[in-house]
N, C-alpha and C. Protein backbone atom coordinates (compact mmCIF):
# COMPACT_ATOMS: atom_id res chain seq x y z
N UNK A 1 15.81 44.95 0.05
CA UNK A 1 14.19 44.69 -0.46
C UNK A 1 13.90 43.02 -0.42
N UNK A 2 14.76 42.34 -1.05
CA UNK A 2 14.68 40.62 -1.15
C UNK A 2 14.41 40.18 0.28
N UNK A 3 14.76 40.57 0.94
CA UNK A 3 14.59 40.09 2.43
C UNK A 3 13.57 40.50 3.05
N UNK A 4 13.05 41.56 2.90
CA UNK A 4 11.83 41.90 2.93
C UNK A 4 10.74 40.96 2.34
N UNK A 5 10.75 40.99 0.93
CA UNK A 5 9.70 40.07 0.60
C UNK A 5 9.55 38.70 1.13
N UNK A 6 10.81 38.15 1.20
CA UNK A 6 10.98 36.74 1.64
C UNK A 6 10.14 36.75 3.04
N UNK A 7 10.80 37.53 3.96
CA UNK A 7 9.81 37.64 5.09
C UNK A 7 8.63 37.64 5.23
N UNK A 8 8.27 38.65 4.35
CA UNK A 8 6.45 38.81 4.39
C UNK A 8 5.83 37.29 3.51
N UNK A 9 6.85 36.79 2.65
CA UNK A 9 6.32 35.40 2.28
C UNK A 9 6.26 34.42 3.19
N UNK A 10 7.16 34.35 4.04
CA UNK A 10 7.31 33.64 5.36
C UNK A 10 6.11 33.69 6.14
N UNK A 11 6.42 34.85 6.52
CA UNK A 11 4.86 35.60 7.54
C UNK A 11 3.70 35.00 7.13
N UNK A 12 3.43 35.07 5.92
CA UNK A 12 2.06 34.74 5.12
C UNK A 12 1.63 33.34 5.14
N UNK A 13 2.81 32.30 5.06
CA UNK A 13 3.01 31.06 5.01
C UNK A 13 2.73 30.52 6.27
N UNK A 14 3.30 31.30 7.21
CA UNK A 14 3.04 30.49 8.81
C UNK A 14 1.71 30.96 9.13
N UNK A 15 0.82 31.96 8.74
CA UNK A 15 -0.47 32.36 9.48
C UNK A 15 -1.26 31.72 8.76
N UNK A 16 -1.13 31.03 7.21
CA UNK A 16 -1.89 30.44 6.76
C UNK A 16 -1.85 28.87 7.24
N UNK A 17 -0.47 28.59 7.72
CA UNK A 17 -0.60 26.90 8.25
C UNK A 17 -1.31 27.04 9.85
N UNK A 18 -1.24 28.14 10.66
CA UNK A 18 -1.61 28.30 11.91
C UNK A 18 -2.99 28.17 11.65
N UNK A 19 -3.60 28.99 10.76
CA UNK A 19 -5.17 29.04 10.53
C UNK A 19 -5.88 27.78 10.11
N UNK A 20 -5.10 26.57 9.33
CA UNK A 20 -5.15 25.34 8.76
C UNK A 20 -5.45 24.53 10.11
N UNK A 21 -4.35 24.77 11.05
CA UNK A 21 -4.12 24.06 12.11
C UNK A 21 -5.39 24.35 13.14
N UNK A 22 -5.77 25.46 13.09
CA UNK A 22 -6.93 25.28 14.10
C UNK A 22 -8.25 25.06 13.61
N UNK A 23 -8.26 25.08 12.33
CA UNK A 23 -9.46 24.57 11.84
C UNK A 23 -9.54 22.89 12.06
N UNK A 24 -8.34 22.23 11.96
CA UNK A 24 -8.30 20.63 12.01
C UNK A 24 -8.55 20.50 13.48
N UNK A 25 -8.01 21.05 14.39
CA UNK A 25 -8.19 20.81 15.78
C UNK A 25 -9.63 20.87 16.32
N UNK A 26 -10.57 21.63 15.68
CA UNK A 26 -12.00 21.60 16.04
C UNK A 26 -12.71 20.20 16.11
N UNK A 27 -13.65 19.84 16.94
CA UNK A 27 -13.87 18.74 16.91
C UNK A 27 -15.48 18.70 16.28
N UNK A 28 -15.81 18.07 15.40
CA UNK A 28 -17.11 17.87 15.04
C UNK A 28 -18.35 17.43 16.01
N UNK A 29 -19.61 18.35 16.05
CA UNK A 29 -20.29 18.11 17.03
C UNK A 29 -21.28 16.99 16.68
N UNK A 30 -21.97 15.99 17.83
CA UNK A 30 -23.23 15.54 17.74
C UNK A 30 -22.43 13.86 17.26
N UNK A 31 -21.09 13.85 16.81
CA UNK A 31 -20.67 12.27 16.27
C UNK A 31 -19.78 11.66 17.58
N UNK A 32 -19.38 12.51 19.13
CA UNK A 32 -18.85 11.50 19.85
C UNK A 32 -19.84 11.34 20.87
N UNK A 33 -19.49 10.11 21.58
CA UNK A 33 -20.52 9.64 22.54
C UNK A 33 -20.80 10.34 23.75
N UNK A 34 -21.56 10.42 24.51
CA UNK A 34 -21.69 10.98 25.54
C UNK A 34 -21.85 10.45 26.76
N UNK A 35 -21.93 9.17 26.88
CA UNK A 35 -21.80 8.44 27.69
C UNK A 35 -20.61 7.79 28.65
N UNK A 36 -19.59 8.68 28.98
CA UNK A 36 -18.32 8.27 29.22
C UNK A 36 -18.83 8.02 30.83
N UNK A 37 -17.83 7.09 31.41
CA UNK A 37 -18.03 6.88 32.99
C UNK A 37 -16.50 6.31 33.27
N UNK A 38 -16.72 5.93 34.45
CA UNK A 38 -15.41 5.45 35.09
C UNK A 38 -15.57 3.86 34.76
N UNK A 39 -14.66 3.19 34.33
CA UNK A 39 -14.54 1.81 34.03
C UNK A 39 -13.24 1.05 34.09
N UNK A 40 -13.58 -0.14 34.64
CA UNK A 40 -11.91 -1.02 35.11
C UNK A 40 -11.84 -1.87 34.23
N UNK A 41 -10.60 -1.52 33.52
CA UNK A 41 -10.40 -2.81 32.78
C UNK A 41 -9.16 -3.68 33.25
N UNK A 42 -9.61 -5.04 33.21
CA UNK A 42 -8.89 -5.89 34.24
C UNK A 42 -8.10 -6.99 33.37
N UNK A 43 -6.93 -7.33 33.64
CA UNK A 43 -6.00 -7.74 32.89
C UNK A 43 -5.82 -9.23 33.17
N UNK A 44 -6.82 -10.32 32.80
CA UNK A 44 -6.89 -11.77 33.18
C UNK A 44 -5.97 -12.48 33.35
N UNK A 45 -4.73 -12.06 32.99
CA UNK A 45 -3.56 -13.30 33.17
C UNK A 45 -2.96 -12.77 34.22
N UNK A 46 -3.07 -11.61 34.91
CA UNK A 46 -2.42 -11.22 35.93
C UNK A 46 -2.90 -10.57 36.99
N UNK A 47 -4.38 -10.41 36.78
CA UNK A 47 -5.33 -9.49 37.98
C UNK A 47 -4.92 -8.06 37.76
N UNK A 48 -4.22 -7.37 36.93
CA UNK A 48 -4.00 -6.18 37.00
C UNK A 48 -5.02 -5.26 36.61
N UNK A 49 -5.15 -4.32 37.23
CA UNK A 49 -6.67 -3.44 36.88
C UNK A 49 -6.23 -2.00 36.64
N UNK A 50 -7.03 -1.21 35.78
CA UNK A 50 -6.84 -0.03 35.51
C UNK A 50 -7.78 0.97 35.24
N UNK A 51 -8.08 1.98 36.25
CA UNK A 51 -9.26 2.42 36.29
C UNK A 51 -9.32 4.02 35.53
N UNK A 52 -10.00 3.83 34.37
CA UNK A 52 -10.03 4.81 33.29
C UNK A 52 -11.51 5.33 33.03
N UNK A 53 -11.61 6.54 32.06
CA UNK A 53 -12.81 6.60 31.57
C UNK A 53 -12.95 6.11 30.35
N UNK A 54 -14.33 5.42 29.98
CA UNK A 54 -14.78 4.61 28.85
C UNK A 54 -16.00 4.58 28.59
N UNK A 55 -16.26 4.20 27.47
CA UNK A 55 -17.85 4.42 26.80
C UNK A 55 -18.14 3.06 26.70
N UNK A 56 -17.40 2.06 26.96
CA UNK A 56 -17.53 0.36 26.55
C UNK A 56 -18.87 0.13 27.37
N UNK A 57 -19.43 -0.97 26.98
CA UNK A 57 -20.54 -1.43 27.51
C UNK A 57 -20.39 -2.56 28.10
N UNK A 58 -20.64 -2.86 29.52
CA UNK A 58 -20.10 -4.13 30.14
C UNK A 58 -21.61 -4.24 31.04
N UNK A 59 -21.42 -5.42 31.69
CA UNK A 59 -22.49 -6.09 32.42
C UNK A 59 -21.76 -6.31 33.66
N UNK A 60 -20.86 -6.68 33.67
CA UNK A 60 -20.03 -7.00 34.88
C UNK A 60 -19.56 -6.05 35.73
N UNK A 61 -19.42 -6.34 37.10
CA UNK A 61 -18.74 -5.30 37.92
C UNK A 61 -17.62 -5.86 38.90
N UNK A 62 -16.95 -4.67 39.11
CA UNK A 62 -15.67 -5.43 40.00
C UNK A 62 -15.38 -4.28 41.22
N UNK A 63 -15.20 -4.72 42.35
CA UNK A 63 -14.56 -3.79 43.78
C UNK A 63 -13.15 -3.69 43.02
N UNK A 64 -12.85 -2.02 42.91
CA UNK A 64 -11.20 -1.47 42.79
C UNK A 64 -10.94 -1.50 44.08
N UNK A 65 -9.69 -1.25 44.11
CA UNK A 65 -8.81 -0.80 45.08
C UNK A 65 -9.36 0.23 46.05
N UNK A 66 -9.68 1.09 45.40
CA UNK A 66 -10.32 2.08 46.33
C UNK A 66 -11.72 2.22 46.91
N UNK A 67 -12.04 0.61 46.76
CA UNK A 67 -13.21 0.42 47.44
C UNK A 67 -14.55 0.46 46.80
N UNK A 68 -14.64 1.32 45.73
CA UNK A 68 -15.89 1.52 45.31
C UNK A 68 -16.09 0.17 43.89
N UNK A 69 -17.07 0.18 43.45
CA UNK A 69 -17.57 -0.62 42.56
C UNK A 69 -17.72 -0.24 41.26
N UNK A 70 -17.09 -0.82 40.10
CA UNK A 70 -17.11 -0.24 38.62
C UNK A 70 -17.42 -1.38 37.74
N UNK A 71 -18.08 -0.76 36.63
CA UNK A 71 -17.84 -1.93 35.57
C UNK A 71 -16.50 -2.11 35.13
N UNK A 72 -16.65 -3.50 34.57
CA UNK A 72 -15.37 -4.29 33.79
C UNK A 72 -15.26 -4.52 32.90
N UNK A 73 -14.07 -4.21 32.41
CA UNK A 73 -13.95 -4.79 30.55
C UNK A 73 -12.70 -5.71 30.95
N UNK A 74 -12.97 -7.21 30.63
CA UNK A 74 -11.70 -8.32 30.82
C UNK A 74 -10.95 -8.18 29.41
N UNK A 75 -9.60 -8.01 29.68
CA UNK A 75 -8.78 -8.22 28.76
C UNK A 75 -8.14 -9.14 28.99
N UNK A 76 -7.70 -10.17 27.59
CA UNK A 76 -6.59 -11.36 28.00
C UNK A 76 -5.22 -11.09 28.19
N UNK A 77 -4.75 -9.65 27.65
CA UNK A 77 -3.25 -9.44 27.65
C UNK A 77 -3.50 -7.69 27.56
N UNK A 78 -2.43 -7.35 28.52
CA UNK A 78 -2.38 -5.84 28.45
C UNK A 78 -0.59 -5.31 28.49
N UNK A 79 -0.17 -4.20 28.95
CA UNK A 79 1.07 -3.99 28.70
C UNK A 79 1.93 -4.51 30.30
N UNK A 80 1.00 -4.97 31.03
CA UNK A 80 1.63 -5.69 32.09
C UNK A 80 2.01 -6.87 31.96
N UNK A 81 1.30 -7.74 31.21
CA UNK A 81 1.77 -8.97 30.89
C UNK A 81 2.29 -8.99 29.46
N UNK A 82 2.29 -8.38 28.59
CA UNK A 82 2.72 -8.55 27.12
C UNK A 82 4.18 -8.98 27.11
N UNK A 83 5.01 -9.90 26.38
CA UNK A 83 6.61 -10.01 26.63
C UNK A 83 7.09 -8.61 26.22
N UNK A 84 6.59 -8.01 25.33
CA UNK A 84 7.37 -6.71 24.88
C UNK A 84 7.47 -5.78 25.48
N UNK A 85 6.38 -5.59 26.62
CA UNK A 85 6.79 -4.10 27.35
C UNK A 85 7.42 -4.98 28.88
N UNK A 86 7.13 -6.26 29.30
CA UNK A 86 7.96 -6.45 30.46
C UNK A 86 9.58 -7.08 30.19
N UNK A 87 9.89 -7.20 28.83
CA UNK A 87 11.09 -7.60 28.67
C UNK A 87 11.39 -8.71 28.93
N UNK A 88 10.55 -9.76 29.38
CA UNK A 88 10.78 -11.02 29.72
C UNK A 88 9.67 -12.00 29.14
N UNK A 89 9.90 -13.21 29.29
CA UNK A 89 8.93 -13.85 28.53
C UNK A 89 7.85 -14.87 29.48
N UNK A 90 6.83 -14.35 29.92
CA UNK A 90 5.60 -15.22 30.54
C UNK A 90 4.79 -15.87 29.85
N UNK A 91 4.65 -17.02 30.21
CA UNK A 91 3.56 -17.90 29.92
C UNK A 91 2.27 -17.47 30.20
N UNK A 92 1.20 -17.07 29.22
CA UNK A 92 0.09 -16.80 29.49
C UNK A 92 -0.68 -18.01 28.94
N UNK A 93 -1.78 -18.52 29.66
CA UNK A 93 -2.26 -19.73 29.56
C UNK A 93 -3.89 -19.40 29.79
N UNK A 94 -4.22 -18.95 28.78
CA UNK A 94 -5.81 -18.59 29.05
C UNK A 94 -6.88 -19.58 28.26
N UNK A 95 -6.06 -20.37 27.40
CA UNK A 95 -6.86 -21.46 27.02
C UNK A 95 -6.34 -22.70 27.09
N UNK A 96 -5.72 -23.40 27.93
CA UNK A 96 -5.14 -24.23 28.65
C UNK A 96 -4.15 -25.11 27.36
N UNK A 97 -3.44 -23.86 26.96
CA UNK A 97 -2.54 -24.32 25.33
C UNK A 97 -1.18 -24.93 25.98
N UNK A 98 -0.76 -24.32 27.28
CA UNK A 98 0.37 -25.02 28.03
C UNK A 98 0.07 -26.37 28.45
N UNK A 99 -0.89 -26.07 29.33
CA UNK A 99 -1.31 -27.71 29.89
C UNK A 99 -1.34 -28.92 28.48
N UNK A 100 -1.90 -28.58 27.36
CA UNK A 100 -1.78 -29.38 26.37
C UNK A 100 -0.77 -29.77 25.73
N UNK A 101 0.19 -28.76 25.26
CA UNK A 101 1.51 -29.02 25.23
C UNK A 101 2.28 -30.16 26.22
N UNK A 102 2.46 -29.52 27.19
CA UNK A 102 3.12 -30.31 28.66
C UNK A 102 2.40 -31.87 28.46
N UNK A 103 1.07 -32.26 27.94
CA UNK A 103 0.79 -33.36 28.14
C UNK A 103 1.03 -34.28 27.08
N UNK A 104 1.03 -33.34 25.74
CA UNK A 104 1.43 -34.14 24.48
C UNK A 104 2.82 -34.35 24.49
N UNK A 105 3.91 -33.59 25.07
CA UNK A 105 5.20 -34.16 25.11
C UNK A 105 5.87 -34.81 26.33
N UNK A 106 4.62 -34.91 27.15
CA UNK A 106 5.49 -35.37 28.64
C UNK A 106 6.27 -36.55 28.81
N UNK A 107 6.15 -37.33 27.79
CA UNK A 107 7.22 -38.79 27.74
C UNK A 107 8.65 -38.33 27.34
N UNK A 108 8.77 -37.02 26.35
CA UNK A 108 9.94 -36.51 25.98
C UNK A 108 10.65 -35.82 26.82
N UNK A 109 9.91 -35.04 27.55
CA UNK A 109 10.42 -34.43 29.09
C UNK A 109 11.27 -35.55 30.24
N UNK A 110 10.00 -36.50 30.01
CA UNK A 110 10.76 -37.53 31.46
C UNK A 110 11.68 -38.24 30.79
N UNK A 111 12.04 -38.57 29.51
CA UNK A 111 12.93 -39.30 28.97
C UNK A 111 14.36 -38.45 29.25
N UNK A 112 13.85 -37.07 29.19
CA UNK A 112 15.51 -36.36 29.38
C UNK A 112 15.88 -36.43 30.83
N UNK A 113 15.07 -36.64 31.93
CA UNK A 113 15.49 -36.55 33.41
C UNK A 113 16.26 -37.79 33.62
């Protein structure tokens, strides 16, 4: 008898949990954007391009590898150029920082040679 009560309690808890989960998965209407379209995200450090759906506002376009023209969102760094994902250090010089460093310490590097 005690086992049957435990099973009933467990079954009721499971049903309640499932009902709560169903209510959580429902999306609210009227708060999500309607203007999704195909957009290219371009990594400017290595020219890698990813085609996906987005509602990001852009003015520029680019011709993708499939030959079609899509709006483009420019990224400074992505998973294809970030050292954490690549496993090796790549110098990403988007603002001339490497050149500035090399010019500043040029005498030091020349003296070592």
